[in-house]
PDB file of all heavy atoms in Angstrom:
ATOM      1  N   TYR A   1      -8.989  33.915 -74.194  1.00  0.00           N
ATOM      2  CA  TYR A   1      -8.218  32.802 -73.829  1.00  0.00           C
ATOM      3  C   TYR A   1      -8.856  31.523 -74.400  1.00  0.00           C
ATOM      4  O   TYR A   1      -8.087  30.616 -74.786  1.00  0.00           O
ATOM      5  CB  TYR A   1      -8.075  32.660 -72.339  1.00  0.00           C
ATOM      6  CG  TYR A   1      -7.032  33.574 -71.721  1.00  0.00           C
ATOM      7  CD1 TYR A   1      -7.287  34.829 -71.169  1.00  0.00           C
ATOM      8  CD2 TYR A   1      -5.623  33.230 -71.926  1.00  0.00           C
ATOM      9  CE1 TYR A   1      -6.345  35.643 -70.727  1.00  0.00           C
ATOM     10  CE2 TYR A   1      -4.666  34.114 -71.401  1.00  0.00           C
ATOM     11  CZ  TYR A   1      -4.930  35.232 -70.863  1.00  0.00           C
ATOM     12  OH  TYR A   1      -3.947  36.083 -70.431  1.00  0.00           O
ATOM     13  N   TYR A   2     -10.123  31.376 -74.466  1.00  0.00           N
ATOM     14  CA  TYR A   2     -10.727  30.174 -75.158  1.00  0.00           C
ATOM     15  C   TYR A   2     -10.376  30.085 -76.555  1.00  0.00           C
ATOM     16  O   TYR A   2     -10.161  29.047 -77.074  1.00  0.00           O
ATOM     17  CB  TYR A   2     -12.295  30.215 -74.835  1.00  0.00           C
ATOM     18  CG  TYR A   2     -12.794  29.929 -73.492  1.00  0.00           C
ATOM     19  CD1 TYR A   2     -13.846  30.611 -72.965  1.00  0.00           C
ATOM     20  CD2 TYR A   2     -12.133  28.897 -72.754  1.00  0.00           C
ATOM     21  CE1 TYR A   2     -14.299  30.361 -71.694  1.00  0.00           C
ATOM     22  CE2 TYR A   2     -12.633  28.579 -71.471  1.00  0.00           C
ATOM     23  CZ  TYR A   2     -13.716  29.336 -70.897  1.00  0.00           C
ATOM     24  OH  TYR A   2     -14.180  29.113 -69.686  1.00  0.00           O
ATOM     25  N   GLU A   3     -10.476  31.306 -77.225  1.00  0.00           N
ATOM     26  CA  GLU A   3      -9.997  31.448 -78.675  1.00  0.00           C
ATOM     27  C   GLU A   3      -8.560  30.880 -78.878  1.00  0.00           C
ATOM     28  O   GLU A   3      -8.336  30.115 -79.832  1.00  0.00           O
ATOM     29  CB  GLU A   3     -10.119  32.842 -79.191  1.00  0.00           C
ATOM     30  CG  GLU A   3     -11.607  33.340 -79.283  1.00  0.00           C
ATOM     31  CD  GLU A   3     -12.265  33.015 -80.571  1.00  0.00           C
ATOM     32  OE1 GLU A   3     -11.671  32.128 -81.429  1.00  0.00           O
ATOM     33  OE2 GLU A   3     -13.292  33.542 -80.872  1.00  0.00           O
ATOM     34  N   ARG A   4      -7.719  31.348 -78.016  1.00  0.00           N
ATOM     35  CA  ARG A   4      -6.271  30.901 -78.075  1.00  0.00           C
ATOM     36  C   ARG A   4      -6.215  29.419 -77.868  1.00  0.00           C
ATOM     37  O   ARG A   4      -5.395  28.741 -78.471  1.00  0.00           O
ATOM     38  CB  ARG A   4      -5.432  31.671 -77.082  1.00  0.00           C
ATOM     39  CG  ARG A   4      -5.126  33.166 -77.517  1.00  0.00           C
ATOM     40  CD  ARG A   4      -4.421  34.003 -76.452  1.00  0.00           C
ATOM     41  NE  ARG A   4      -3.141  33.477 -76.132  1.00  0.00           N
ATOM     42  CZ  ARG A   4      -2.390  33.908 -75.126  1.00  0.00           C
ATOM     43  NH1 ARG A   4      -2.826  34.873 -74.337  1.00  0.00           N
ATOM     44  NH2 ARG A   4      -1.210  33.413 -74.900  1.00  0.00           N
ATOM     45  N   ASN A   5      -6.906  28.916 -76.904  1.00  0.00           N
ATOM     46  CA  ASN A   5      -6.918  27.497 -76.548  1.00  0.00           C
ATOM     47  C   ASN A   5      -7.461  26.744 -77.824  1.00  0.00           C
ATOM     48  O   ASN A   5      -6.946  25.711 -78.201  1.00  0.00           O
ATOM     49  CB  ASN A   5      -7.840  27.215 -75.393  1.00  0.00           C
ATOM     50  CG  ASN A   5      -8.200  25.820 -75.249  1.00  0.00           C
ATOM     51  OD1 ASN A   5      -9.239  25.337 -75.686  1.00  0.00           O
ATOM     52  ND2 ASN A   5      -7.284  24.944 -74.644  1.00  0.00           N
ATOM     53  N   LEU A   6      -8.468  27.208 -78.387  1.00  0.00           N
ATOM     54  CA  LEU A   6      -9.128  26.523 -79.552  1.00  0.00           C
ATOM     55  C   LEU A   6      -8.132  26.442 -80.722  1.00  0.00           C
ATOM     56  O   LEU A   6      -8.014  25.336 -81.351  1.00  0.00           O
ATOM     57  CB  LEU A   6     -10.359  27.220 -79.991  1.00  0.00           C
ATOM     58  CG  LEU A   6     -11.138  26.736 -81.177  1.00  0.00           C
ATOM     59  CD1 LEU A   6     -11.644  25.341 -80.872  1.00  0.00           C
ATOM     60  CD2 LEU A   6     -12.314  27.658 -81.558  1.00  0.00           C
ATOM     61  N   SER A   7      -7.468  27.493 -81.062  1.00  0.00           N
ATOM     62  CA  SER A   7      -6.488  27.437 -82.234  1.00  0.00           C
ATOM     63  C   SER A   7      -5.380  26.452 -81.898  1.00  0.00           C
ATOM     64  O   SER A   7      -4.964  25.735 -82.754  1.00  0.00           O
ATOM     65  CB  SER A   7      -6.025  28.798 -82.619  1.00  0.00           C
ATOM     66  OG  SER A   7      -5.169  29.318 -81.658  1.00  0.00           O
ATOM     67  N   LEU A   8      -4.980  26.425 -80.657  1.00  0.00           N
ATOM     68  CA  LEU A   8      -3.893  25.448 -80.227  1.00  0.00           C
ATOM     69  C   LEU A   8      -4.356  24.034 -80.303  1.00  0.00           C
ATOM     70  O   LEU A   8      -3.729  23.128 -80.813  1.00  0.00           O
ATOM     71  CB  LEU A   8      -3.344  25.801 -78.902  1.00  0.00           C
ATOM     72  CG  LEU A   8      -2.046  25.132 -78.411  1.00  0.00           C
ATOM     73  CD1 LEU A   8      -0.850  25.164 -79.510  1.00  0.00           C
ATOM     74  CD2 LEU A   8      -1.511  25.736 -77.199  1.00  0.00           C
ATOM     75  N   VAL A   9      -5.606  23.763 -79.803  1.00  0.00           N
ATOM     76  CA  VAL A   9      -6.057  22.328 -79.762  1.00  0.00           C
ATOM     77  C   VAL A   9      -6.453  21.851 -81.160  1.00  0.00           C
ATOM     78  O   VAL A   9      -6.401  20.668 -81.438  1.00  0.00           O
ATOM     79  CB  VAL A   9      -7.221  22.045 -78.802  1.00  0.00           C
ATOM     80  CG1 VAL A   9      -6.668  22.214 -77.369  1.00  0.00           C
ATOM     81  CG2 VAL A   9      -8.355  22.898 -79.012  1.00  0.00           C
ATOM     82  N   LYS A  10      -6.759  22.858 -82.042  1.00  0.00           N
ATOM     83  CA  LYS A  10      -6.915  22.520 -83.481  1.00  0.00           C
ATOM     84  C   LYS A  10      -5.589  22.034 -84.125  1.00  0.00           C
ATOM     85  O   LYS A  10      -5.621  21.065 -84.808  1.00  0.00           O
ATOM     86  CB  LYS A  10      -7.422  23.706 -84.249  1.00  0.00           C
ATOM     87  CG  LYS A  10      -8.946  23.925 -84.153  1.00  0.00           C
ATOM     88  CD  LYS A  10      -9.382  25.064 -85.034  1.00  0.00           C
ATOM     89  CE  LYS A  10     -10.925  25.223 -84.999  1.00  0.00           C
ATOM     90  NZ  LYS A  10     -11.336  26.438 -85.631  1.00  0.00           N
ATOM     91  N   GLU A  11      -4.590  22.781 -83.756  1.00  0.00           N
ATOM     92  CA  GLU A  11      -3.200  22.442 -84.233  1.00  0.00           C
ATOM     93  C   GLU A  11      -2.787  21.089 -83.703  1.00  0.00           C
ATOM     94  O   GLU A  11      -2.096  20.284 -84.418  1.00  0.00           O
ATOM     95  CB  GLU A  11      -2.287  23.481 -83.562  1.00  0.00           C
ATOM     96  CG  GLU A  11      -0.953  23.707 -84.255  1.00  0.00           C
ATOM     97  CD  GLU A  11      -0.120  24.745 -83.548  1.00  0.00           C
ATOM     98  OE1 GLU A  11      -0.527  25.900 -83.434  1.00  0.00           O
ATOM     99  OE2 GLU A  11       0.955  24.357 -83.011  1.00  0.00           O
ATOM    100  N   LEU A  12      -3.099  20.768 -82.453  1.00  0.00           N
ATOM    101  CA  LEU A  12      -2.834  19.470 -81.889  1.00  0.00           C
ATOM    102  C   LEU A  12      -3.849  18.245 -82.309  1.00  0.00           C
ATOM    103  O   LEU A  12      -3.632  17.121 -81.947  1.00  0.00           O
ATOM    104  CB  LEU A  12      -2.891  19.575 -80.312  1.00  0.00           C
ATOM    105  CG  LEU A  12      -1.817  20.493 -79.656  1.00  0.00           C
ATOM    106  CD1 LEU A  12      -2.191  20.754 -78.255  1.00  0.00           C
ATOM    107  CD2 LEU A  12      -0.442  19.789 -79.758  1.00  0.00           C
ATOM    108  N   GLY A  13      -4.914  18.652 -82.893  1.00  0.00           N
ATOM    109  CA  GLY A  13      -5.869  17.679 -83.458  1.00  0.00           C
ATOM    110  C   GLY A  13      -6.727  17.017 -82.389  1.00  0.00           C
ATOM    111  O   GLY A  13      -7.172  15.899 -82.511  1.00  0.00           O
ATOM    112  N   ASP A  14      -6.873  17.894 -81.263  1.00  0.00           N
ATOM    113  CA  ASP A  14      -7.589  17.216 -80.087  1.00  0.00           C
ATOM    114  C   ASP A  14      -9.119  17.636 -80.194  1.00  0.00           C
ATOM    115  O   ASP A  14      -9.480  18.681 -79.707  1.00  0.00           O
ATOM    116  CB  ASP A  14      -7.016  17.802 -78.808  1.00  0.00           C
ATOM    117  CG  ASP A  14      -7.638  17.133 -77.425  1.00  0.00           C
ATOM    118  OD1 ASP A  14      -8.744  16.605 -77.634  1.00  0.00           O
ATOM    119  OD2 ASP A  14      -7.004  17.195 -76.434  1.00  0.00           O
ATOM    120  N   ARG A  15      -9.935  16.854 -80.806  1.00  0.00           N
ATOM    121  CA  ARG A  15     -11.252  17.145 -81.010  1.00  0.00           C
ATOM    122  C   ARG A  15     -12.100  17.278 -79.677  1.00  0.00           C
ATOM    123  O   ARG A  15     -12.968  18.170 -79.610  1.00  0.00           O
ATOM    124  CB  ARG A  15     -11.967  16.027 -81.810  1.00  0.00           C
ATOM    125  CG  ARG A  15     -11.576  16.024 -83.340  1.00  0.00           C
ATOM    126  CD  ARG A  15     -11.984  17.148 -84.041  1.00  0.00           C
ATOM    127  NE  ARG A  15     -13.403  17.121 -84.472  1.00  0.00           N
ATOM    128  CZ  ARG A  15     -14.070  18.173 -84.978  1.00  0.00           C
ATOM    129  NH1 ARG A  15     -13.466  19.389 -85.046  1.00  0.00           N
ATOM    130  NH2 ARG A  15     -15.346  18.063 -85.371  1.00  0.00           N
ATOM    131  N   ALA A  16     -11.892  16.468 -78.692  1.00  0.00           N
ATOM    132  CA  ALA A  16     -12.625  16.540 -77.463  1.00  0.00           C
ATOM    133  C   ALA A  16     -12.341  17.960 -76.800  1.00  0.00           C
ATOM    134  O   ALA A  16     -13.348  18.664 -76.397  1.00  0.00           O
ATOM    135  CB  ALA A  16     -12.172  15.469 -76.528  1.00  0.00           C
ATOM    136  N   ALA A  17     -11.087  18.360 -76.813  1.00  0.00           N
ATOM    137  CA  ALA A  17     -10.795  19.697 -76.320  1.00  0.00           C
ATOM    138  C   ALA A  17     -11.360  20.888 -77.067  1.00  0.00           C
ATOM    139  O   ALA A  17     -11.799  21.852 -76.577  1.00  0.00           O
ATOM    140  CB  ALA A  17      -9.259  19.842 -76.174  1.00  0.00           C
ATOM    141  N   GLN A  18     -11.474  20.591 -78.422  1.00  0.00           N
ATOM    142  CA  GLN A  18     -12.147  21.604 -79.312  1.00  0.00           C
ATOM    143  C   GLN A  18     -13.673  21.762 -78.871  1.00  0.00           C
ATOM    144  O   GLN A  18     -14.196  22.803 -78.793  1.00  0.00           O
ATOM    145  CB  GLN A  18     -12.081  21.148 -80.727  1.00  0.00           C
ATOM    146  CG  GLN A  18     -10.625  21.392 -81.413  1.00  0.00           C
ATOM    147  CD  GLN A  18     -10.607  20.731 -82.732  1.00  0.00           C
ATOM    148  OE1 GLN A  18     -11.367  20.845 -83.598  1.00  0.00           O
ATOM    149  NE2 GLN A  18      -9.466  19.981 -82.929  1.00  0.00           N
ATOM    150  N   GLY A  19     -14.231  20.546 -78.617  1.00  0.00           N
ATOM    151  CA  GLY A  19     -15.640  20.655 -78.161  1.00  0.00           C
ATOM    152  C   GLY A  19     -15.871  21.478 -76.904  1.00  0.00           C
ATOM    153  O   GLY A  19     -16.777  22.259 -76.833  1.00  0.00           O
ATOM    154  N   ARG A  20     -15.023  21.257 -75.959  1.00  0.00           N
ATOM    155  CA  ARG A  20     -15.025  22.011 -74.736  1.00  0.00           C
ATOM    156  C   ARG A  20     -14.843  23.503 -74.897  1.00  0.00           C
ATOM    157  O   ARG A  20     -15.615  24.255 -74.395  1.00  0.00           O
ATOM    158  CB  ARG A  20     -13.981  21.469 -73.673  1.00  0.00           C
ATOM    159  CG  ARG A  20     -14.344  20.129 -73.144  1.00  0.00           C
ATOM    160  CD  ARG A  20     -13.383  19.753 -71.944  1.00  0.00           C
ATOM    161  NE  ARG A  20     -12.070  19.532 -72.291  1.00  0.00           N
ATOM    162  CZ  ARG A  20     -11.519  18.449 -72.688  1.00  0.00           C
ATOM    163  NH1 ARG A  20     -12.298  17.388 -72.860  1.00  0.00           N
ATOM    164  NH2 ARG A  20     -10.292  18.331 -72.946  1.00  0.00           N
ATOM    165  N   ALA A  21     -13.855  23.798 -75.822  1.00  0.00           N
ATOM    166  CA  ALA A  21     -13.681  25.313 -76.106  1.00  0.00           C
ATOM    167  C   ALA A  21     -14.909  25.927 -76.809  1.00  0.00           C
ATOM    168  O   ALA A  21     -15.252  27.049 -76.391  1.00  0.00           O
ATOM    169  CB  ALA A  21     -12.400  25.341 -76.924  1.00  0.00           C
ATOM    170  N   TYR A  22     -15.483  25.173 -77.686  1.00  0.00           N
ATOM    171  CA  TYR A  22     -16.620  25.683 -78.425  1.00  0.00           C
ATOM    172  C   TYR A  22     -17.742  25.953 -77.492  1.00  0.00           C
ATOM    173  O   TYR A  22     -18.447  27.023 -77.520  1.00  0.00           O
ATOM    174  CB  TYR A  22     -17.036  24.770 -79.556  1.00  0.00           C
ATOM    175  CG  TYR A  22     -16.237  24.857 -80.838  1.00  0.00           C
ATOM    176  CD1 TYR A  22     -15.663  23.699 -81.399  1.00  0.00           C
ATOM    177  CD2 TYR A  22     -16.085  26.071 -81.564  1.00  0.00           C
ATOM    178  CE1 TYR A  22     -14.950  23.827 -82.564  1.00  0.00           C
ATOM    179  CE2 TYR A  22     -15.310  26.239 -82.694  1.00  0.00           C
ATOM    180  CZ  TYR A  22     -14.747  25.086 -83.184  1.00  0.00           C
ATOM    181  OH  TYR A  22     -14.049  25.088 -84.340  1.00  0.00           O
ATOM    182  N   GLY A  23     -17.971  24.987 -76.626  1.00  0.00           N
ATOM    183  CA  GLY A  23     -19.074  25.209 -75.591  1.00  0.00           C
ATOM    184  C   GLY A  23     -18.887  26.316 -74.668  1.00  0.00           C
ATOM    185  O   GLY A  23     -19.862  27.167 -74.514  1.00  0.00           O
ATOM    186  N   ASN A  24     -17.650  26.539 -74.188  1.00  0.00           N
ATOM    187  CA  ASN A  24     -17.346  27.641 -73.387  1.00  0.00           C
ATOM    188  C   ASN A  24     -17.410  29.035 -74.164  1.00  0.00           C
ATOM    189  O   ASN A  24     -17.887  30.053 -73.633  1.00  0.00           O
ATOM    190  CB  ASN A  24     -16.084  27.557 -72.620  1.00  0.00           C
ATOM    191  CG  ASN A  24     -16.166  26.518 -71.551  1.00  0.00           C
ATOM    192  OD1 ASN A  24     -17.302  26.392 -70.952  1.00  0.00           O
ATOM    193  ND2 ASN A  24     -15.266  25.788 -71.217  1.00  0.00           N
ATOM    194  N   LEU A  25     -17.017  29.076 -75.361  1.00  0.00           N
ATOM    195  CA  LEU A  25     -17.064  30.229 -76.170  1.00  0.00           C
ATOM    196  C   LEU A  25     -18.493  30.615 -76.417  1.00  0.00           C
ATOM    197  O   LEU A  25     -18.883  31.822 -76.384  1.00  0.00           O
ATOM    198  CB  LEU A  25     -16.340  30.067 -77.564  1.00  0.00           C
ATOM    199  CG  LEU A  25     -14.792  30.211 -77.492  1.00  0.00           C
ATOM    200  CD1 LEU A  25     -14.130  29.642 -78.750  1.00  0.00           C
ATOM    201  CD2 LEU A  25     -14.514  31.645 -77.375  1.00  0.00           C
ATOM    202  N   GLY A  26     -19.421  29.488 -76.690  1.00  0.00           N
ATOM    203  CA  GLY A  26     -20.847  29.784 -76.809  1.00  0.00           C
ATOM    204  C   GLY A  26     -21.375  30.407 -75.485  1.00  0.00           C
ATOM    205  O   GLY A  26     -22.131  31.379 -75.597  1.00  0.00           O
ATOM    206  N   ASN A  27     -21.030  29.893 -74.439  1.00  0.00           N
ATOM    207  CA  ASN A  27     -21.541  30.400 -73.110  1.00  0.00           C
ATOM    208  C   ASN A  27     -21.055  31.845 -72.862  1.00  0.00           C
ATOM    209  O   ASN A  27     -21.850  32.692 -72.349  1.00  0.00           O
ATOM    210  CB  ASN A  27     -21.084  29.501 -71.963  1.00  0.00           C
ATOM    211  CG  ASN A  27     -21.814  28.186 -72.021  1.00  0.00           C
ATOM    212  OD1 ASN A  27     -22.949  28.101 -72.630  1.00  0.00           O
ATOM    213  ND2 ASN A  27     -21.232  27.132 -71.439  1.00  0.00           N
TER     214      ASN A  27
END
């Protein structure tokens, strides 16, 4: 689900949300 979120927020150009997704994917 984080991966799906990440690809969508990349599409939306939302950098802050990308940061959150990367952090949670890392965890």
